[in-house]
Amino acid sequence: MAAFFEPEALASWWQAIRSVTSPRPLGIYAVEWEPTVERDDMLGRLGGVFHGTVMEYVPGRELFIADAWWLPPDDEPIGPMALEVSCMLEGASCRLRVRQSGFEDSPRWRRYYAVIARGWQSSLASLKEHLER
């Protein structure tokens, strides 16, 4: 769970260029990425800032961020949404569960979730690699 808060870890596995995170209730959670060169037809350039408020944090177990928004580099924000992360021990292993929620029935929101689903798969593989080093 600490890898979701430590700036060096976020830079490593999530390619964040800057982050301000407070692992405590009502703490800030803000992560910034370099804007991409390529443009998505509907979302524009990716990157930008994801920010929200830490509502719950249990070290080593769970994290809940509410009132979260993605601010893309060139377009209107998407949100509000929530991000839930939980970690459960299973023998000598750990099962990490990440759930991002919030939705408006629109093509832009559907495209956002299609893009971030691939992003989360890649990022979580990087997180696993980062933690195993």
C-alpha atoms as a PDB file:
ATOM      1  CA  MET A   1       0.000   0.000   0.000  1.00  0.00           C
ATOM      2  CA  ALA A   2       2.907   2.323   0.655  1.00  0.00           C
ATOM      3  CA  ALA A   3       3.700   2.213  -3.080  1.00  0.00           C
ATOM      4  CA  PHE A   4       0.501   4.225  -3.650  1.00  0.00           C
ATOM      5  CA  PHE A   5       1.894   7.070  -1.514  1.00  0.00           C
ATOM      6  CA  GLU A   6       5.684   7.199  -1.866  1.00  0.00           C
ATOM      7  CA  PRO A   7       6.760   9.640  -4.617  1.00  0.00           C
ATOM      8  CA  GLU A   8       9.700   7.443  -5.699  1.00  0.00           C
ATOM      9  CA  ALA A   9       7.469   4.380  -5.956  1.00  0.00           C
ATOM     10  CA  LEU A  10       4.765   6.282  -7.869  1.00  0.00           C
ATOM     11  CA  ALA A  11       7.416   7.524 -10.286  1.00  0.00           C
ATOM     12  CA  SER A  12       8.691   3.989 -10.768  1.00  0.00           C
ATOM     13  CA  TRP A  13       5.525   1.964 -11.280  1.00  0.00           C
ATOM     14  CA  TRP A  14       2.989   4.625 -12.325  1.00  0.00           C
ATOM     15  CA  GLN A  15       5.413   6.898 -14.209  1.00  0.00           C
ATOM     16  CA  ALA A  16       4.246   9.898 -12.157  1.00  0.00           C
ATOM     17  CA  ILE A  17       6.307  13.046 -12.677  1.00  0.00           C
ATOM     18  CA  ARG A  18       5.005  14.613  -9.481  1.00  0.00           C
ATOM     19  CA  SER A  19       2.798  13.548  -6.585  1.00  0.00           C
ATOM     20  CA  VAL A  20       1.438  14.936  -3.338  1.00  0.00           C
ATOM     21  CA  THR A  21      -0.191  12.277  -1.209  1.00  0.00           C
ATOM     22  CA  SER A  22      -1.150  12.154   2.458  1.00  0.00           C
ATOM     23  CA  PRO A  23      -1.916   8.663   3.814  1.00  0.00           C
ATOM     24  CA  ARG A  24      -4.565   9.772   6.293  1.00  0.00           C
ATOM     25  CA  PRO A  25      -8.289  10.531   6.325  1.00  0.00           C
ATOM     26  CA  LEU A  26      -9.016  13.807   4.510  1.00  0.00           C
ATOM     27  CA  GLY A  27      -5.494  13.760   3.075  1.00  0.00           C
ATOM     28  CA  ILE A  28      -4.823  14.943  -0.440  1.00  0.00           C
ATOM     29  CA  TYR A  29      -4.107  12.471  -3.209  1.00  0.00           C
ATOM     30  CA  ALA A  30      -2.715  14.081  -6.355  1.00  0.00           C
ATOM     31  CA  VAL A  31      -0.632  12.396  -9.044  1.00  0.00           C
ATOM     32  CA  GLU A  32       0.596  14.051 -12.247  1.00  0.00           C
ATOM     33  CA  TRP A  33       1.821  12.487 -15.491  1.00  0.00           C
ATOM     34  CA  GLU A  34       3.607  14.023 -18.438  1.00  0.00           C
ATOM     35  CA  PRO A  35       1.141  14.812 -21.261  1.00  0.00           C
ATOM     36  CA  THR A  36       1.401  12.350 -24.117  1.00  0.00           C
ATOM     37  CA  VAL A  37       2.414  13.427 -27.600  1.00  0.00           C
ATOM     38  CA  GLU A  38      -0.303  11.286 -29.166  1.00  0.00           C
ATOM     39  CA  ARG A  39      -3.919  12.375 -28.949  1.00  0.00           C
ATOM     40  CA  ASP A  40      -6.899  10.147 -28.343  1.00  0.00           C
ATOM     41  CA  ASP A  41      -9.739  11.079 -30.713  1.00  0.00           C
ATOM     42  CA  MET A  42     -12.178  11.590 -27.852  1.00  0.00           C
ATOM     43  CA  LEU A  43     -10.013  12.363 -24.783  1.00  0.00           C
ATOM     44  CA  GLY A  44      -7.220  14.372 -26.377  1.00  0.00           C
ATOM     45  CA  ARG A  45      -3.754  13.974 -24.905  1.00  0.00           C
ATOM     46  CA  LEU A  46      -3.460  11.626 -21.957  1.00  0.00           C
ATOM     47  CA  GLY A  47      -1.430  12.363 -18.851  1.00  0.00           C
ATOM     48  CA  GLY A  48      -2.457  15.305 -16.717  1.00  0.00           C
ATOM     49  CA  VAL A  49      -3.507  15.065 -13.072  1.00  0.00           C
ATOM     50  CA  PHE A  50      -5.605  12.662 -11.022  1.00  0.00           C
ATOM     51  CA  HIS A  51      -6.653  14.080  -7.665  1.00  0.00           C
ATOM     52  CA  GLY A  52      -9.034  13.250  -4.873  1.00  0.00           C
ATOM     53  CA  THR A  53      -9.436  13.059  -1.109  1.00  0.00           C
ATOM     54  CA  VAL A  54      -8.246  10.129   0.990  1.00  0.00           C
ATOM     55  CA  MET A  55     -11.305   9.095   2.972  1.00  0.00           C
ATOM     56  CA  GLU A  56      -9.947   5.904   4.462  1.00  0.00           C
ATOM     57  CA  TYR A  57      -6.465   4.493   4.846  1.00  0.00           C
ATOM     58  CA  VAL A  58      -5.480   1.398   6.785  1.00  0.00           C
ATOM     59  CA  PRO A  59      -1.710   0.868   6.384  1.00  0.00           C
ATOM     60  CA  GLY A  60      -0.980  -2.333   4.508  1.00  0.00           C
ATOM     61  CA  ARG A  61      -4.679  -3.099   4.018  1.00  0.00           C
ATOM     62  CA  GLU A  62      -6.844  -0.544   2.253  1.00  0.00           C
ATOM     63  CA  LEU A  63      -7.176   2.850   0.668  1.00  0.00           C
ATOM     64  CA  PHE A  64     -10.307   4.714  -0.395  1.00  0.00           C
ATOM     65  CA  ILE A  65     -10.120   7.957  -2.375  1.00  0.00           C
ATOM     66  CA  ALA A  66     -13.337   9.895  -3.026  1.00  0.00           C
ATOM     67  CA  ASP A  67     -14.271  12.986  -4.998  1.00  0.00           C
ATOM     68  CA  ALA A  68     -11.564  12.049  -7.501  1.00  0.00           C
ATOM     69  CA  TRP A  69     -11.156  13.778 -10.845  1.00  0.00           C
ATOM     70  CA  TRP A  70      -8.933  13.341 -13.852  1.00  0.00           C
ATOM     71  CA  LEU A  71      -7.803  16.643 -15.336  1.00  0.00           C
ATOM     72  CA  PRO A  72      -6.531  15.902 -18.843  1.00  0.00           C
ATOM     73  CA  PRO A  73      -3.937  18.282 -20.309  1.00  0.00           C
ATOM     74  CA  ASP A  74      -6.250  19.826 -22.920  1.00  0.00           C
ATOM     75  CA  ASP A  75      -9.874  19.009 -22.145  1.00  0.00           C
ATOM     76  CA  GLU A  76     -12.552  19.176 -19.468  1.00  0.00           C
ATOM     77  CA  PRO A  77     -12.137  17.158 -16.231  1.00  0.00           C
ATOM     78  CA  ILE A  78     -13.746  13.755 -15.818  1.00  0.00           C
ATOM     79  CA  GLY A  79     -15.313  12.933 -12.460  1.00  0.00           C
ATOM     80  CA  PRO A  80     -16.269  12.657  -9.768  1.00  0.00           C
ATOM     81  CA  MET A  81     -15.173   9.107  -9.151  1.00  0.00           C
ATOM     82  CA  ALA A  82     -13.673   6.910  -6.440  1.00  0.00           C
ATOM     83  CA  LEU A  83     -10.583   4.726  -6.228  1.00  0.00           C
ATOM     84  CA  GLU A  84     -10.500   1.744  -3.877  1.00  0.00           C
ATOM     85  CA  VAL A  85      -7.395  -0.338  -3.252  1.00  0.00           C
ATOM     86  CA  SER A  86      -7.243  -3.332  -0.918  1.00  0.00           C
ATOM     87  CA  CYS A  87      -4.492  -5.765  -0.085  1.00  0.00           C
ATOM     88  CA  MET A  88      -5.215  -9.223   1.330  1.00  0.00           C
ATOM     89  CA  LEU A  89      -2.678 -11.810   2.391  1.00  0.00           C
ATOM     90  CA  GLU A  90      -3.138 -15.217   0.815  1.00  0.00           C
ATOM     91  CA  GLY A  91      -0.507 -17.488   2.296  1.00  0.00           C
ATOM     92  CA  ALA A  92       2.881 -16.056   1.375  1.00  0.00           C
ATOM     93  CA  SER A  93       1.312 -13.909  -1.336  1.00  0.00           C
ATOM     94  CA  CYS A  94      -0.668 -10.703  -1.439  1.00  0.00           C
ATOM     95  CA  ARG A  95      -3.768 -10.143  -3.557  1.00  0.00           C
ATOM     96  CA  LEU A  96      -4.196  -6.536  -4.589  1.00  0.00           C
ATOM     97  CA  ARG A  97      -7.627  -5.332  -5.684  1.00  0.00           C
ATOM     98  CA  VAL A  98      -8.045  -1.995  -7.464  1.00  0.00           C
ATOM     99  CA  ARG A  99     -11.468  -0.628  -8.310  1.00  0.00           C
ATOM    100  CA  GLN A 100     -12.144   2.721  -9.908  1.00  0.00           C
ATOM    101  CA  SER A 101     -15.786   3.766 -10.029  1.00  0.00           C
ATOM    102  CA  GLY A 102     -17.937   6.692 -11.075  1.00  0.00           C
ATOM    103  CA  PHE A 103     -19.740   6.932 -14.373  1.00  0.00           C
ATOM    104  CA  GLU A 104     -21.820   9.147 -16.554  1.00  0.00           C
ATOM    105  CA  ASP A 105     -23.598   7.451 -19.448  1.00  0.00           C
ATOM    106  CA  SER A 106     -21.740   9.204 -22.242  1.00  0.00           C
ATOM    107  CA  PRO A 107     -19.306   8.240 -25.001  1.00  0.00           C
ATOM    108  CA  ARG A 108     -16.520  10.198 -23.298  1.00  0.00           C
ATOM    109  CA  TRP A 109     -16.847   8.288 -20.018  1.00  0.00           C
ATOM    110  CA  ARG A 110     -17.020   4.951 -21.863  1.00  0.00           C
ATOM    111  CA  ARG A 111     -13.862   5.858 -23.774  1.00  0.00           C
ATOM    112  CA  TYR A 112     -12.153   6.959 -20.551  1.00  0.00           C
ATOM    113  CA  TYR A 113     -12.781   3.570 -18.913  1.00  0.00           C
ATOM    114  CA  ALA A 114     -11.669   1.706 -22.046  1.00  0.00           C
ATOM    115  CA  VAL A 115      -8.374   3.622 -22.018  1.00  0.00           C
ATOM    116  CA  ILE A 116      -7.709   3.401 -18.279  1.00  0.00           C
ATOM    117  CA  ALA A 117      -8.522  -0.325 -18.152  1.00  0.00           C
ATOM    118  CA  ARG A 118      -5.496  -0.936 -20.391  1.00  0.00           C
ATOM    119  CA  GLY A 119      -3.512   1.610 -18.371  1.00  0.00           C
ATOM    120  CA  TRP A 120      -4.289  -0.123 -15.073  1.00  0.00           C
ATOM    121  CA  GLN A 121      -3.249  -3.511 -16.481  1.00  0.00           C
ATOM    122  CA  SER A 122       0.110  -2.114 -17.543  1.00  0.00           C
ATOM    123  CA  SER A 123       0.597  -0.087 -14.354  1.00  0.00           C
ATOM    124  CA  LEU A 124      -0.246  -2.977 -12.044  1.00  0.00           C
ATOM    125  CA  ALA A 125       2.223  -5.209 -13.891  1.00  0.00           C
ATOM    126  CA  SER A 126       4.815  -2.462 -13.310  1.00  0.00           C
ATOM    127  CA  LEU A 127       3.812  -2.274  -9.637  1.00  0.00           C
ATOM    128  CA  LYS A 128       4.354  -6.030  -9.257  1.00  0.00           C
ATOM    129  CA  GLU A 129       7.755  -5.735 -10.891  1.00  0.00           C
ATOM    130  CA  HIS A 130       8.659  -2.723  -8.726  1.00  0.00           C
ATOM    131  CA  LEU A 131       7.717  -4.528  -5.506  1.00  0.00           C
ATOM    132  CA  GLU A 132       9.519  -7.722  -6.438  1.00  0.00           C
ATOM    133  CA  ARG A 133      12.813  -5.856  -6.997  1.00  0.00           C
END
